[in-house]
Protein backbone atom coordinates (compact mmCIF):
# COMPACT_ATOMS: atom_id res chain seq x y z
CA MET A 1 -73.33 83.27 -31.50
CA SER A 2 -75.72 86.15 -32.16
CA VAL A 3 -74.15 89.07 -34.16
CA ILE A 4 -74.75 92.55 -33.01
CA LEU A 5 -74.13 95.52 -35.34
CA ILE A 6 -73.35 98.70 -33.40
CA ILE A 7 -73.89 102.00 -35.52
CA GLY A 8 -72.50 104.88 -33.85
CA ILE A 9 -69.69 107.57 -33.43
CA GLU A 10 -67.13 105.63 -30.82
CA ASP A 11 -66.84 107.61 -27.55
CA GLU A 12 -66.89 106.19 -23.79
CA SER A 13 -70.45 105.13 -23.95
CA LEU A 14 -70.11 103.25 -26.96
CA LEU A 15 -66.96 101.62 -25.76
CA ARG A 16 -68.73 100.52 -22.60
CA ALA A 17 -71.45 99.06 -24.35
CA LYS A 18 -68.96 97.03 -26.81
CA ARG A 19 -67.17 95.74 -24.00
CA ALA A 20 -70.45 94.54 -22.08
CA LEU A 21 -71.59 92.73 -25.35
CA LYS A 22 -68.35 91.10 -25.83
CA ASP A 23 -68.12 89.90 -22.41
CA ALA A 24 -71.66 88.40 -22.91
CA ASP A 25 -70.26 86.43 -25.63
CA TYR A 26 -71.79 88.34 -28.49
CA GLN A 27 -70.19 88.89 -31.72
CA VAL A 28 -69.74 92.66 -31.99
CA VAL A 29 -69.17 94.88 -35.48
CA THR A 30 -69.11 98.33 -34.97
CA VAL A 31 -69.89 100.75 -37.93
CA GLU A 32 -68.14 104.14 -37.09
CA GLU A 33 -69.25 105.85 -40.50
CA PRO A 34 -72.20 108.30 -39.82
CA GLU A 35 -73.28 107.98 -43.60
CA ALA A 36 -76.55 106.27 -43.40
CA GLN A 37 -75.77 104.35 -46.97
CA ALA A 38 -72.55 103.15 -45.33
CA ALA A 39 -74.41 101.74 -42.27
CA TYR A 40 -76.97 100.24 -44.54
CA GLU A 41 -74.38 98.56 -46.78
CA GLU A 42 -72.52 97.20 -43.81
CA ALA A 43 -75.75 95.61 -42.25
CA LEU A 44 -76.55 93.89 -45.73
CA LYS A 45 -73.09 92.48 -45.57
CA ARG A 46 -73.29 91.49 -41.95
CA ARG A 47 -76.58 90.31 -41.48
CA PRO A 48 -76.69 91.09 -37.90
CA ASP A 49 -79.21 89.34 -35.52
CA LEU A 50 -79.73 92.83 -33.72
CA VAL A 51 -78.58 96.52 -34.41
CA LEU A 52 -77.66 98.70 -31.59
CA LEU A 53 -78.36 102.42 -32.75
CA ASP A 54 -76.41 105.02 -30.96
CA PHE A 55 -78.40 108.17 -30.41
CA THR A 56 -75.97 109.83 -27.90
CA SER A 57 -73.99 111.89 -30.50
CA PRO A 58 -76.68 113.72 -32.58
CA ARG A 59 -74.56 115.99 -34.22
CA ASP A 60 -72.33 113.57 -35.56
CA LEU A 61 -74.90 110.69 -36.43
CA ASP A 62 -78.26 111.03 -37.93
CA ALA A 63 -79.58 108.04 -36.11
CA GLN A 64 -83.14 109.00 -36.62
CA PHE A 65 -82.61 108.81 -40.47
CA ILE A 66 -80.80 105.63 -40.30
CA PHE A 67 -83.72 104.05 -38.11
CA HIS A 68 -86.21 104.82 -40.53
CA LYS A 69 -84.21 103.63 -43.52
CA PHE A 70 -83.91 100.41 -41.79
CA LYS A 71 -87.53 99.89 -40.63
CA LYS A 72 -88.53 100.59 -44.41
CA ASP A 73 -85.98 98.46 -46.14
CA ARG A 74 -87.34 95.03 -47.13
CA PHE A 75 -83.99 93.46 -46.58
CA LEU A 76 -83.64 94.64 -42.81
CA ARG A 77 -87.25 95.05 -41.72
CA GLY A 78 -87.24 91.94 -39.67
CA THR A 79 -84.02 92.89 -37.86
CA PRO A 80 -84.55 94.22 -34.30
CA ILE A 81 -83.26 97.65 -33.34
CA PHE A 82 -82.11 98.78 -29.95
CA ALA A 83 -81.50 102.29 -29.11
CA LEU A 84 -78.90 103.76 -26.89
CA LEU A 85 -80.31 106.95 -25.70
CA PRO A 86 -78.92 109.99 -23.96
CA GLU A 87 -79.79 110.71 -20.18
CA ASP A 88 -82.41 113.48 -21.20
CA GLY A 89 -83.45 111.66 -24.69
CA VAL A 90 -86.91 110.37 -23.78
CA GLY A 91 -88.23 112.70 -26.41
CA ILE A 92 -86.42 110.94 -29.16
CA LEU A 93 -88.95 108.08 -28.57
CA ASP A 94 -91.61 109.89 -30.09
CA SER A 95 -89.96 110.04 -33.49
CA VAL A 96 -88.48 106.42 -33.49
CA GLN A 97 -91.93 104.62 -32.87
CA GLY A 98 -91.25 100.83 -33.59
CA ILE A 99 -88.10 100.57 -31.82
CA ASP A 100 -87.60 97.37 -30.19
CA ASP A 101 -86.14 98.37 -27.01
CA PHE A 102 -83.92 101.01 -25.55
CA ILE A 103 -81.70 101.99 -22.61
CA PHE A 104 -80.59 105.51 -21.37
CA GLU A 105 -77.03 106.35 -20.64
CA PRO A 106 -75.19 105.79 -18.44
CA ALA A 107 -75.94 102.14 -19.21
CA ASN A 108 -75.20 99.30 -16.96
CA GLY A 109 -73.33 96.50 -19.09
CA LYS A 110 -75.03 93.63 -17.46
CA GLU A 111 -78.52 95.21 -17.95
CA LEU A 112 -77.77 96.24 -21.36
CA ALA A 113 -76.84 92.44 -22.07
CA ALA A 114 -79.90 91.18 -20.55
CA ARG A 115 -82.10 93.41 -22.45
CA LEU A 116 -80.46 92.67 -25.74
CA ARG A 117 -80.71 88.86 -24.93
CA ALA A 118 -84.54 89.51 -24.40
CA VAL A 119 -85.35 91.43 -27.72
CA LEU A 120 -83.19 88.52 -29.55
CA LYS A 121 -85.29 85.76 -27.78
CA LYS A 122 -88.45 87.67 -28.63
CA ALA A 123 -87.47 88.07 -32.33
CA MET A 124 -86.88 84.23 -32.67
CA PRO A 125 -90.23 82.68 -34.18
CA THR A 126 -90.06 79.39 -32.17
CA ASP A 127 -92.63 78.70 -29.66
CA SER A 128 -90.56 76.31 -27.91
CA GLU A 129 -86.99 74.66 -28.40
CA ASP A 130 -88.68 71.68 -30.14
CA HIS A 131 -91.25 73.51 -32.49
CA ILE A 132 -91.19 76.41 -34.99
CA LYS A 133 -94.69 77.75 -35.61
CA ILE A 134 -95.34 80.21 -38.36
CA GLY A 135 -99.22 80.33 -38.94
CA ASP A 136 -100.71 77.14 -40.06
CA LEU A 137 -96.97 75.58 -40.59
CA ILE A 138 -95.35 73.78 -37.77
CA ILE A 139 -91.97 72.43 -37.93
CA ASP A 140 -91.23 69.67 -35.33
CA VAL A 141 -87.62 69.78 -34.66
CA ALA A 142 -87.37 66.87 -32.28
CA LYS A 143 -89.27 64.73 -34.90
CA TYR A 144 -88.21 66.13 -38.12
CA GLU A 145 -91.62 66.56 -39.11
CA VAL A 146 -93.59 69.14 -40.91
CA THR A 147 -97.18 69.76 -40.71
CA LEU A 148 -99.65 72.23 -42.45
CA ASN A 149 -103.02 72.57 -41.59
CA GLY A 150 -102.55 69.57 -39.27
CA SER A 151 -101.64 67.52 -42.14
CA LYS A 152 -98.12 66.00 -42.45
CA VAL A 153 -95.84 67.45 -45.32
CA GLU A 154 -93.56 65.01 -47.03
CA LEU A 155 -90.04 66.64 -47.45
CA THR A 156 -86.52 65.31 -48.43
CA TYR A 157 -83.80 65.84 -45.91
CA LYS A 158 -82.43 68.84 -47.70
CA GLU A 159 -85.87 70.27 -48.24
CA TYR A 160 -86.52 70.09 -44.42
CA GLU A 161 -83.03 71.56 -43.53
CA LEU A 162 -83.67 74.52 -45.90
CA LEU A 163 -87.24 75.05 -44.61
CA LYS A 164 -85.98 74.87 -41.02
CA PHE A 165 -83.23 77.08 -41.71
CA LEU A 166 -85.18 79.96 -43.35
CA ALA A 167 -88.12 79.79 -40.89
CA SER A 168 -85.64 80.09 -37.83
CA ASN A 169 -84.26 83.26 -39.46
CA LYS A 170 -87.64 84.65 -40.49
CA GLY A 171 -87.37 88.17 -42.40
CA ARG A 172 -83.46 87.83 -43.09
CA VAL A 173 -82.44 87.59 -46.66
CA TYR A 174 -79.95 85.04 -47.72
CA SER A 175 -78.19 84.69 -51.19
CA ARG A 176 -78.10 81.28 -52.91
CA ASP A 177 -74.23 81.11 -52.05
CA GLN A 178 -75.00 81.44 -48.25
CA LEU A 179 -77.69 79.04 -48.39
CA LEU A 180 -75.69 76.41 -50.32
CA ASP A 181 -72.85 76.87 -47.61
CA LYS A 182 -75.37 76.52 -44.92
CA ILE A 183 -77.29 73.73 -46.10
CA TRP A 184 -74.91 71.66 -48.40
CA GLY A 185 -71.57 72.82 -46.93
CA TYR A 186 -68.45 73.85 -48.36
CA ASP A 187 -67.57 70.47 -49.87
CA TYR A 188 -70.58 70.38 -52.20
CA TYR A 189 -69.71 71.00 -55.77
CA GLY A 190 -72.89 71.79 -57.08
CA GLY A 191 -74.05 75.07 -58.47
CA THR A 192 -76.35 77.46 -56.81
CA ARG A 193 -79.11 76.21 -59.03
CA THR A 194 -79.37 73.28 -56.53
CA VAL A 195 -80.93 76.13 -54.03
CA ASP A 196 -83.50 77.16 -56.65
CA VAL A 197 -84.73 73.64 -57.48
CA HIS A 198 -84.98 72.75 -53.74
CA ILE A 199 -86.90 76.16 -53.30
CA ARG A 200 -89.07 75.32 -56.05
CA ARG A 201 -89.91 71.91 -54.76
CA LEU A 202 -90.39 73.21 -51.19
CA ARG A 203 -92.71 75.83 -52.40
CA SER A 204 -94.82 73.17 -54.26
CA LYS A 205 -95.36 71.46 -51.12
CA ILE A 206 -96.05 74.15 -48.42
CA GLU A 207 -97.56 77.07 -50.55
CA ASP A 208 -100.83 77.61 -52.24
CA ARG A 209 -103.41 80.69 -52.61
CA LYS A 210 -103.55 80.83 -48.77
CA HIS A 211 -100.15 80.34 -47.91
CA THR A 212 -97.05 82.24 -49.10
CA PHE A 213 -94.03 81.75 -46.92
CA ILE A 214 -90.63 82.21 -49.04
CA ASP A 215 -90.00 85.48 -51.01
CA THR A 216 -87.59 85.59 -53.85
CA ILE A 217 -85.20 88.70 -53.51
CA ARG A 218 -84.48 89.51 -57.19
CA ASN A 219 -80.78 88.96 -58.06
CA ILE A 220 -79.93 88.08 -54.26
CA GLY A 221 -81.71 85.07 -52.84
CA TYR A 222 -84.51 84.27 -50.79
CA LYS A 223 -86.17 85.07 -47.40
CA PHE A 224 -88.98 83.51 -45.09
CA ILE A 225 -91.72 86.10 -44.92
CA ALA A 226 -94.56 84.70 -43.03
């Protein structure tokens, strides 16, 4: 289930948007605090698949400042941002270039959900259901195979699962604890050093002078950057 983070001052338009997204089976998290730092910290904590930013209450929420902060931040740069604009807000688009999509109020709930679904699909790095392709790196999900420049890369099962998970969530930062939980599960009693060891081995097999796929985020964890 995709996580949608809504940032805005709750009013009737935002309530309609929230109801529409919940009806479309999205997990919806709302940040009503207008401070950019609070919105940023909530986004880091939640790791949403998409941010819905409300521009309909300009006096209460500095949505433009939040937009630019998110777009410049290395942790959130890969997260798509969808704008909810006032009916006469076409001029706002000039100052938020790089917005992934937008809709004007009053918004139709079904159209909003469909537009968000299209943005989320576009943000995924998969070429098809069976392949993940990032540059010269191809992950064949159906065959559990990885190739780089046409040559097969020999990976252990955990290395493969770690690579597939990171590549499927390109641009998103995951802590070592999160990766330990996602790949090894709750019942694993090893420490987070296990993640570092597997990342190091994975890098040795898929990275060289021409290819850098995994970025270390100091004191936090890792993200797929290609």
